[in-house]
C-alpha atoms as a PDB file:
ATOM      1  CA  MET A   1     -50.392 -55.744 -25.009  1.00  0.00           C
ATOM      2  CA  LEU A   2     -51.915 -59.225 -25.315  1.00  0.00           C
ATOM      3  CA  ALA A   3     -48.583 -60.761 -24.285  1.00  0.00           C
ATOM      4  CA  CYS A   4     -48.451 -58.474 -21.291  1.00  0.00           C
ATOM      5  CA  ALA A   5     -51.958 -59.421 -20.288  1.00  0.00           C
ATOM      6  CA  LEU A   6     -51.157 -63.086 -20.545  1.00  0.00           C
ATOM      7  CA  ASP A   7     -47.794 -62.782 -18.784  1.00  0.00           C
ATOM      8  CA  PRO A   8     -47.711 -60.406 -15.747  1.00  0.00           C
ATOM      9  CA  ARG A   9     -43.889 -60.622 -15.573  1.00  0.00           C
ATOM     10  CA  ALA A  10     -43.599 -59.211 -19.088  1.00  0.00           C
ATOM     11  CA  ALA A  11     -45.879 -56.333 -18.127  1.00  0.00           C
ATOM     12  CA  GLY A  12     -43.758 -55.552 -15.087  1.00  0.00           C
ATOM     13  CA  ALA A  13     -40.591 -55.552 -17.115  1.00  0.00           C
ATOM     14  CA  GLN A  14     -42.108 -53.162 -19.658  1.00  0.00           C
ATOM     15  CA  PHE A  15     -43.262 -50.787 -16.901  1.00  0.00           C
ATOM     16  CA  LEU A  16     -39.811 -50.731 -15.250  1.00  0.00           C
ATOM     17  CA  SER A  17     -38.145 -50.102 -18.615  1.00  0.00           C
ATOM     18  CA  ALA A  18     -40.399 -47.148 -19.330  1.00  0.00           C
ATOM     19  CA  ARG A  19     -39.889 -45.785 -15.807  1.00  0.00           C
ATOM     20  CA  ALA A  20     -36.098 -46.009 -16.122  1.00  0.00           C
ATOM     21  CA  SER A  21     -36.184 -44.207 -19.447  1.00  0.00           C
ATOM     22  CA  THR A  22     -38.236 -41.371 -17.940  1.00  0.00           C
ATOM     23  CA  LEU A  23     -35.904 -41.039 -14.949  1.00  0.00           C
ATOM     24  CA  SER A  24     -32.854 -41.025 -17.251  1.00  0.00           C
ATOM     25  CA  ASP A  25     -34.310 -38.219 -19.364  1.00  0.00           C
ATOM     26  CA  THR A  26     -35.103 -36.228 -16.211  1.00  0.00           C
ATOM     27  CA  VAL A  27     -31.567 -36.593 -14.881  1.00  0.00           C
ATOM     28  CA  LEU A  28     -30.054 -35.498 -18.196  1.00  0.00           C
ATOM     29  CA  LEU A  29     -32.272 -32.439 -18.374  1.00  0.00           C
ATOM     30  CA  ALA A  30     -31.438 -31.482 -14.796  1.00  0.00           C
ATOM     31  CA  ALA A  31     -27.712 -31.868 -15.471  1.00  0.00           C
ATOM     32  CA  ALA A  32     -27.904 -29.785 -18.624  1.00  0.00           C
ATOM     33  CA  GLY A  33     -29.847 -27.043 -16.860  1.00  0.00           C
ATOM     34  CA  SER A  34     -31.429 -24.029 -18.405  1.00  0.00           C
ATOM     35  CA  PRO A  35     -29.352 -21.084 -19.693  1.00  0.00           C
ATOM     36  CA  GLN A  36     -31.803 -18.674 -18.130  1.00  0.00           C
ATOM     37  CA  GLN A  37     -31.310 -20.257 -14.702  1.00  0.00           C
ATOM     38  CA  ALA A  38     -27.482 -20.220 -14.691  1.00  0.00           C
ATOM     39  CA  PRO A  39     -26.172 -18.244 -11.702  1.00  0.00           C
ATOM     40  CA  ILE A  40     -24.310 -15.022 -12.476  1.00  0.00           C
ATOM     41  CA  ALA A  41     -21.278 -14.216 -10.302  1.00  0.00           C
ATOM     42  CA  ALA A  42     -21.272 -10.765  -8.736  1.00  0.00           C
ATOM     43  CA  PRO A  43     -18.471  -8.552 -10.097  1.00  0.00           C
ATOM     44  CA  VAL A  44     -15.607  -7.717  -7.761  1.00  0.00           C
ATOM     45  CA  ALA A  45     -14.837  -4.006  -7.591  1.00  0.00           C
ATOM     46  CA  PRO A  46     -11.168  -3.181  -8.327  1.00  0.00           C
ATOM     47  CA  ALA A  47      -9.125  -1.010  -5.996  1.00  0.00           C
ATOM     48  CA  SER A  48      -9.587   1.957  -8.313  1.00  0.00           C
ATOM     49  CA  ALA A  49     -13.362   1.722  -7.833  1.00  0.00           C
ATOM     50  CA  ARG A  50     -13.142   2.983  -4.253  1.00  0.00           C
ATOM     51  CA  GLN A  51     -15.055   6.226  -3.928  1.00  0.00           C
ATOM     52  CA  HIS A  52     -13.387   7.521  -0.764  1.00  0.00           C
ATOM     53  CA  THR A  53     -10.052   7.280   1.004  1.00  0.00           C
ATOM     54  CA  ASP A  54      -9.854   4.873   3.923  1.00  0.00           C
ATOM     55  CA  VAL A  55      -8.442   7.402   6.378  1.00  0.00           C
ATOM     56  CA  PHE A  56      -8.217   4.907   9.239  1.00  0.00           C
ATOM     57  CA  GLY A  57      -6.261   2.534   7.008  1.00  0.00           C
ATOM     58  CA  ALA A  58      -3.866   5.351   6.080  1.00  0.00           C
ATOM     59  CA  PHE A  59      -3.463   6.183   9.769  1.00  0.00           C
ATOM     60  CA  GLY A  60      -2.709   2.558  10.590  1.00  0.00           C
ATOM     61  CA  ASP A  61      -0.051   2.147   7.918  1.00  0.00           C
ATOM     62  CA  SER A  62       1.532   5.502   8.767  1.00  0.00           C
ATOM     63  CA  PHE A  63       1.722   4.461  12.401  1.00  0.00           C
ATOM     64  CA  LYS A  64       3.579   1.305  11.343  1.00  0.00           C
ATOM     65  CA  LEU A  65       6.000   3.441   9.331  1.00  0.00           C
ATOM     66  CA  LEU A  66       6.460   5.738  12.323  1.00  0.00           C
ATOM     67  CA  ALA A  67       7.168   2.788  14.627  1.00  0.00           C
ATOM     68  CA  ILE A  68       9.823   1.469  12.255  1.00  0.00           C
ATOM     69  CA  GLU A  69      11.540   4.849  11.996  1.00  0.00           C
ATOM     70  CA  HIS A  70      11.650   5.381  15.758  1.00  0.00           C
ATOM     71  CA  ALA A  71      12.894   1.822  16.287  1.00  0.00           C
ATOM     72  CA  LEU A  72      15.757   2.551  13.880  1.00  0.00           C
ATOM     73  CA  ARG A  73      16.550   5.818  15.651  1.00  0.00           C
ATOM     74  CA  ILE A  74      16.696   4.156  19.053  1.00  0.00           C
ATOM     75  CA  SER A  75      18.744   1.250  17.699  1.00  0.00           C
ATOM     76  CA  PHE A  76      21.396   3.253  15.848  1.00  0.00           C
ATOM     77  CA  GLN A  77      21.515   6.687  17.502  1.00  0.00           C
ATOM     78  CA  GLU A  78      23.281   6.868  20.842  1.00  0.00           C
ATOM     79  CA  LYS A  79      22.174  10.471  21.312  1.00  0.00           C
ATOM     80  CA  THR A  80      18.550   9.349  21.099  1.00  0.00           C
ATOM     81  CA  ARG A  81      19.037   6.578  23.658  1.00  0.00           C
ATOM     82  CA  LYS A  82      20.702   9.022  26.097  1.00  0.00           C
ATOM     83  CA  GLU A  83      17.620  11.248  26.113  1.00  0.00           C
ATOM     84  CA  LEU A  84      15.135   8.456  26.909  1.00  0.00           C
ATOM     85  CA  THR A  85      15.595   8.998  30.642  1.00  0.00           C
ATOM     86  CA  GLY A  86      14.192  11.918  32.597  1.00  0.00           C
ATOM     87  CA  PRO A  87      10.693  13.418  32.973  1.00  0.00           C
ATOM     88  CA  PHE A  88       8.882  12.668  29.723  1.00  0.00           C
ATOM     89  CA  TRP A  89       6.338  15.496  29.553  1.00  0.00           C
ATOM     90  CA  ILE A  90       8.602  18.211  30.947  1.00  0.00           C
ATOM     91  CA  ASP A  91      11.400  17.362  28.516  1.00  0.00           C
ATOM     92  CA  TYR A  92       8.923  17.041  25.645  1.00  0.00           C
ATOM     93  CA  VAL A  93       7.427  20.497  26.230  1.00  0.00           C
ATOM     94  CA  ARG A  94      10.903  22.013  26.464  1.00  0.00           C
ATOM     95  CA  SER A  95      11.848  20.346  23.139  1.00  0.00           C
ATOM     96  CA  VAL A  96       8.945  21.773  21.114  1.00  0.00           C
ATOM     97  CA  ARG A  97       9.979  25.163  19.747  1.00  0.00           C
ATOM     98  CA  VAL A  98       9.742  27.358  16.671  1.00  0.00           C
ATOM     99  CA  PRO A  99      13.003  26.939  14.722  1.00  0.00           C
ATOM    100  CA  GLY A 100      15.311  29.910  14.715  1.00  0.00           C
ATOM    101  CA  GLN A 101      17.360  28.912  11.655  1.00  0.00           C
ATOM    102  CA  TRP A 102      17.147  26.934   8.432  1.00  0.00           C
ATOM    103  CA  GLU A 103      19.597  24.107   9.120  1.00  0.00           C
ATOM    104  CA  ASP A 104      19.708  21.749  12.071  1.00  0.00           C
ATOM    105  CA  THR A 105      22.598  19.551  13.189  1.00  0.00           C
ATOM    106  CA  ASP A 106      21.802  16.607  10.892  1.00  0.00           C
ATOM    107  CA  ALA A 107      24.024  15.664   7.955  1.00  0.00           C
ATOM    108  CA  TRP A 108      23.004  16.898   4.508  1.00  0.00           C
ATOM    109  CA  TYR A 109      22.011  13.432   3.295  1.00  0.00           C
ATOM    110  CA  VAL A 110      19.629  13.056   6.239  1.00  0.00           C
ATOM    111  CA  ASN A 111      17.833  16.325   5.481  1.00  0.00           C
ATOM    112  CA  TYR A 112      17.902  16.273   1.682  1.00  0.00           C
ATOM    113  CA  VAL A 113      17.685  12.529   0.958  1.00  0.00           C
ATOM    114  CA  GLY A 114      16.357  10.714   4.002  1.00  0.00           C
ATOM    115  CA  HIS A 115      13.547  13.111   4.871  1.00  0.00           C
ATOM    116  CA  PRO A 116      12.072  13.232   1.346  1.00  0.00           C
ATOM    117  CA  ILE A 117      12.131   9.427   1.267  1.00  0.00           C
ATOM    118  CA  HIS A 118      10.264   9.066   4.540  1.00  0.00           C
ATOM    119  CA  GLY A 119       7.816  11.805   3.525  1.00  0.00           C
ATOM    120  CA  ALA A 120       7.140  10.112   0.181  1.00  0.00           C
ATOM    121  CA  ALA A 121       6.638   6.783   1.965  1.00  0.00           C
ATOM    122  CA  ALA A 122       3.931   8.416   4.078  1.00  0.00           C
ATOM    123  CA  GLY A 123       2.405   9.875   0.909  1.00  0.00           C
ATOM    124  CA  TYR A 124       2.253   6.404  -0.643  1.00  0.00           C
ATOM    125  CA  ASN A 125       0.471   5.191   2.495  1.00  0.00           C
ATOM    126  CA  TRP A 126      -2.274   7.701   1.734  1.00  0.00           C
ATOM    127  CA  LEU A 127      -2.448   6.785  -1.944  1.00  0.00           C
ATOM    128  CA  ASP A 128      -2.644   3.063  -1.175  1.00  0.00           C
ATOM    129  CA  HIS A 129      -5.934   3.599   0.655  1.00  0.00           C
ATOM    130  CA  GLY A 130      -7.573   5.980  -1.809  1.00  0.00           C
ATOM    131  CA  PRO A 131      -9.325   5.795  -5.182  1.00  0.00           C
ATOM    132  CA  ASP A 132      -6.409   7.379  -7.069  1.00  0.00           C
ATOM    133  CA  GLY A 133      -3.529   5.225  -5.908  1.00  0.00           C
ATOM    134  CA  ASP A 134      -3.223   3.374  -9.221  1.00  0.00           C
ATOM    135  CA  VAL A 135      -3.568   6.361 -11.556  1.00  0.00           C
ATOM    136  CA  PRO A 136      -0.488   6.163 -13.826  1.00  0.00           C
ATOM    137  CA  PHE A 137       2.022   8.946 -14.173  1.00  0.00           C
ATOM    138  CA  GLY A 138       0.960  11.474 -16.767  1.00  0.00           C
ATOM    139  CA  ARG A 139      -0.611  14.847 -17.404  1.00  0.00           C
ATOM    140  CA  SER A 140      -4.090  14.013 -16.135  1.00  0.00           C
ATOM    141  CA  PRO A 141      -5.450  16.418 -13.477  1.00  0.00           C
ATOM    142  CA  ARG A 142      -6.523  13.389 -11.459  1.00  0.00           C
ATOM    143  CA  TYR A 143      -2.929  12.230 -11.116  1.00  0.00           C
ATOM    144  CA  TRP A 144      -1.616  15.603  -9.958  1.00  0.00           C
ATOM    145  CA  ALA A 145      -4.526  16.182  -7.580  1.00  0.00           C
ATOM    146  CA  ALA A 146      -3.859  12.793  -5.994  1.00  0.00           C
ATOM    147  CA  LYS A 147      -0.191  13.656  -5.538  1.00  0.00           C
ATOM    148  CA  GLY A 148      -1.176  16.983  -4.000  1.00  0.00           C
ATOM    149  CA  ARG A 149      -3.339  15.250  -1.396  1.00  0.00           C
ATOM    150  CA  ALA A 150      -0.574  12.731  -0.713  1.00  0.00           C
ATOM    151  CA  THR A 151       1.849  15.630  -0.191  1.00  0.00           C
ATOM    152  CA  ALA A 152      -0.509  17.208   2.340  1.00  0.00           C
ATOM    153  CA  TRP A 153      -0.599  13.886   4.192  1.00  0.00           C
ATOM    154  CA  ALA A 154       3.215  13.730   4.070  1.00  0.00           C
ATOM    155  CA  ALA A 155       3.390  17.255   5.535  1.00  0.00           C
ATOM    156  CA  ALA A 156       1.090  16.257   8.412  1.00  0.00           C
ATOM    157  CA  TYR A 157       3.137  13.100   8.977  1.00  0.00           C
ATOM    158  CA  SER A 158       6.353  15.146   8.996  1.00  0.00           C
ATOM    159  CA  LEU A 159       4.937  17.643  11.503  1.00  0.00           C
ATOM    160  CA  GLN A 160       3.962  14.802  13.817  1.00  0.00           C
ATOM    161  CA  PHE A 161       7.377  13.209  13.346  1.00  0.00           C
ATOM    162  CA  GLU A 162       9.098  16.451  14.337  1.00  0.00           C
ATOM    163  CA  ILE A 163       7.005  17.775  17.256  1.00  0.00           C
ATOM    164  CA  GLY A 164       4.000  15.468  17.782  1.00  0.00           C
ATOM    165  CA  PRO A 165       3.315  13.190  20.772  1.00  0.00           C
ATOM    166  CA  LEU A 166       5.306  10.407  19.067  1.00  0.00           C
ATOM    167  CA  SER A 167       8.055  12.525  17.586  1.00  0.00           C
ATOM    168  CA  GLU A 168      11.729  13.307  17.691  1.00  0.00           C
ATOM    169  CA  ALA A 169      10.868  15.928  20.299  1.00  0.00           C
ATOM    170  CA  SER A 170       9.226  13.402  22.630  1.00  0.00           C
ATOM    171  CA  ILE A 171      11.484  10.428  21.836  1.00  0.00           C
ATOM    172  CA  GLY A 172      15.034  11.751  22.045  1.00  0.00           C
ATOM    173  CA  ASN A 173      14.211  15.389  22.916  1.00  0.00           C
ATOM    174  CA  VAL A 174      15.374  16.793  19.601  1.00  0.00           C
ATOM    175  CA  GLY A 175      14.854  20.546  19.877  1.00  0.00           C
ATOM    176  CA  MET A 176      15.705  20.911  23.561  1.00  0.00           C
ATOM    177  CA  ARG A 177      18.909  22.515  22.305  1.00  0.00           C
ATOM    178  CA  PRO A 178      17.840  25.259  19.851  1.00  0.00           C
ATOM    179  CA  GLU A 179      20.474  24.381  17.256  1.00  0.00           C
ATOM    180  CA  THR A 180      19.058  20.866  16.811  1.00  0.00           C
ATOM    181  CA  THR A 181      15.878  22.028  15.091  1.00  0.00           C
ATOM    182  CA  GLY A 182      15.517  23.958  11.821  1.00  0.00           C
ATOM    183  CA  TRP A 183      13.017  24.859   9.129  1.00  0.00           C
ATOM    184  CA  VAL A 184      14.742  22.494   6.712  1.00  0.00           C
ATOM    185  CA  ASP A 185      12.783  19.483   7.953  1.00  0.00           C
ATOM    186  CA  HIS A 186       9.403  21.245   7.787  1.00  0.00           C
ATOM    187  CA  VAL A 187       9.974  22.443   4.210  1.00  0.00           C
ATOM    188  CA  VAL A 188      12.155  19.837   2.534  1.00  0.00           C
ATOM    189  CA  THR A 189      10.208  16.797   3.747  1.00  0.00           C
ATOM    190  CA  PRO A 190       6.848  17.568   2.043  1.00  0.00           C
ATOM    191  CA  ALA A 191       8.365  19.358  -0.954  1.00  0.00           C
ATOM    192  CA  GLY A 192      10.893  16.586  -1.468  1.00  0.00           C
ATOM    193  CA  ALA A 193       8.189  13.980  -0.957  1.00  0.00           C
ATOM    194  CA  PHE A 194       6.141  15.460  -3.797  1.00  0.00           C
ATOM    195  CA  GLY A 195       9.096  15.540  -6.162  1.00  0.00           C
ATOM    196  CA  LEU A 196      10.233  12.062  -5.211  1.00  0.00           C
ATOM    197  CA  MET A 197       6.789  10.459  -5.635  1.00  0.00           C
ATOM    198  CA  VAL A 198       6.477  11.975  -9.109  1.00  0.00           C
ATOM    199  CA  ALA A 199      10.037  10.956 -10.033  1.00  0.00           C
ATOM    200  CA  GLU A 200       9.535   7.388  -8.803  1.00  0.00           C
ATOM    201  CA  ASP A 201       6.270   7.058 -10.722  1.00  0.00           C
ATOM    202  CA  ALA A 202       7.917   8.295 -13.920  1.00  0.00           C
ATOM    203  CA  ILE A 203      10.932   6.015 -13.499  1.00  0.00           C
ATOM    204  CA  ASP A 204       8.728   3.029 -12.741  1.00  0.00           C
ATOM    205  CA  ARG A 205       6.515   3.609 -15.772  1.00  0.00           C
ATOM    206  CA  TYR A 206       9.081   4.567 -18.389  1.00  0.00           C
ATOM    207  CA  PHE A 207      12.185   2.672 -17.310  1.00  0.00           C
ATOM    208  CA  VAL A 208      11.450  -0.132 -14.858  1.00  0.00           C
ATOM    209  CA  GLU A 209       8.497  -1.523 -16.813  1.00  0.00           C
ATOM    210  CA  TRP A 210      10.509  -1.267 -20.036  1.00  0.00           C
ATOM    211  CA  ALA A 211      13.493  -3.025 -18.439  1.00  0.00           C
ATOM    212  CA  GLU A 212      11.278  -5.792 -17.059  1.00  0.00           C
ATOM    213  CA  THR A 213      10.161  -6.710 -20.579  1.00  0.00           C
ATOM    214  CA  ARG A 214      13.808  -7.594 -21.213  1.00  0.00           C
ATOM    215  CA  VAL A 215      14.861  -8.932 -17.786  1.00  0.00           C
ATOM    216  CA  ARG A 216      13.340 -12.274 -16.755  1.00  0.00           C
ATOM    217  CA  ASN A 217      15.312 -12.814 -13.549  1.00  0.00           C
ATOM    218  CA  SER A 218      13.065 -12.154 -10.537  1.00  0.00           C
ATOM    219  CA  VAL A 219      15.959 -11.183  -8.260  1.00  0.00           C
ATOM    220  CA  LEU A 220      17.158  -8.539 -10.710  1.00  0.00           C
ATOM    221  CA  ARG A 221      13.624  -7.237 -11.145  1.00  0.00           C
ATOM    222  CA  ALA A 222      13.104  -6.965  -7.391  1.00  0.00           C
ATOM    223  CA  SER A 223      16.480  -5.271  -6.877  1.00  0.00           C
ATOM    224  CA  MET A 224      15.767  -2.755  -9.635  1.00  0.00           C
ATOM    225  CA  ARG A 225      12.376  -1.864  -8.160  1.00  0.00           C
ATOM    226  CA  ILE A 226      13.818  -1.320  -4.682  1.00  0.00           C
ATOM    227  CA  ALA A 227      16.839   0.702  -5.847  1.00  0.00           C
ATOM    228  CA  LEU A 228      14.884   2.995  -8.167  1.00  0.00           C
ATOM    229  CA  ASN A 229      11.800   3.361  -5.955  1.00  0.00           C
ATOM    230  CA  PRO A 230      13.177   3.605  -2.395  1.00  0.00           C
ATOM    231  CA  ALA A 231      10.166   5.450  -0.944  1.00  0.00           C
ATOM    232  CA  ARG A 232       7.715   2.950  -2.414  1.00  0.00           C
ATOM    233  CA  ALA A 233       9.885   0.119  -1.081  1.00  0.00           C
ATOM    234  CA  LEU A 234       9.842   1.663   2.416  1.00  0.00           C
ATOM    235  CA  SER A 235       6.073   2.113   2.281  1.00  0.00           C
ATOM    236  CA  ASN A 236       5.573  -1.485   1.141  1.00  0.00           C
ATOM    237  CA  GLY A 237       7.805  -2.827   3.889  1.00  0.00           C
ATOM    238  CA  ALA A 238       5.989  -0.807   6.553  1.00  0.00           C
ATOM    239  CA  THR A 239       2.648  -2.292   5.497  1.00  0.00           C
ATOM    240  CA  GLY A 240       3.898  -5.881   5.521  1.00  0.00           C
ATOM    241  CA  ARG A 241       4.242  -6.272   1.760  1.00  0.00           C
ATOM    242  CA  PRO A 242       7.462  -7.184  -0.046  1.00  0.00           C
ATOM    243  CA  PRO A 243       9.454  -4.026  -0.806  1.00  0.00           C
ATOM    244  CA  TRP A 244       9.236  -4.755  -4.540  1.00  0.00           C
ATOM    245  CA  HIS A 245       5.435  -5.125  -4.533  1.00  0.00           C
ATOM    246  CA  ARG A 246       3.279  -3.636  -7.296  1.00  0.00           C
ATOM    247  CA  ASP A 247      -0.505  -4.073  -7.194  1.00  0.00           C
ATOM    248  CA  ALA A 248      -0.979  -4.884 -10.882  1.00  0.00           C
ATOM    249  CA  ARG A 249       2.531  -6.132 -11.726  1.00  0.00           C
ATOM    250  CA  PRO A 250       3.851  -9.231  -9.949  1.00  0.00           C
ATOM    251  CA  LEU A 251       7.518 -10.062 -10.450  1.00  0.00           C
ATOM    252  CA  GLY A 252       6.696 -12.702 -13.051  1.00  0.00           C
ATOM    253  CA  TRP A 253       4.259 -10.554 -15.033  1.00  0.00           C
ATOM    254  CA  ARG A 254       6.038 -11.223 -18.349  1.00  0.00           C
END
């Protein structure tokens, strides 16, 4: 202290040194922070945490599926293109009728393979927007109730596809000739959709997942998913996702 009193420069140097030490300690404490003050990130709710089905989302994806199916019909069916001319509403009303027989004029693979696939794709659209879409295949009542609701959605989709404003009856006038409409579409589409969704879920859980633990090639994995889950692949493609998409299982998951 005596030296500082005698030499003002020494006093100034001592003051600056003490000040720097205090500032350094303050900076270190601020950087370290307090555990009680650490911010806590808000949890992100998983898809399964949804409490209600997003009906508008299901409508939107089903409309995309419908647009794809009608585009394919117009592109590959000459009989559909021929019926695009003429008075729209008059021809549409004449095409909507109660079927008088079981079969229509479509090939067996259209009625008994194609229609269940497109019905199941619509059912997956419903499941993708609901709280039960990721419930695994099994005996749980929740799984079967979810598939029942998806089947009801597939039935509504099928009815619209057959006789609705954007249907085979309005686009192509299917049904104007009585023999071109039958009960087969109204029954096989929802019933087949239910069976196909359950079958695809079981195959995906017990075979595809098992095979993917042994197959590392992404192309083979994708091909296997598409071939063994055609309805899911169609639903994925209609919603803009890769046909092989799985919410919790990317291609490189193992």
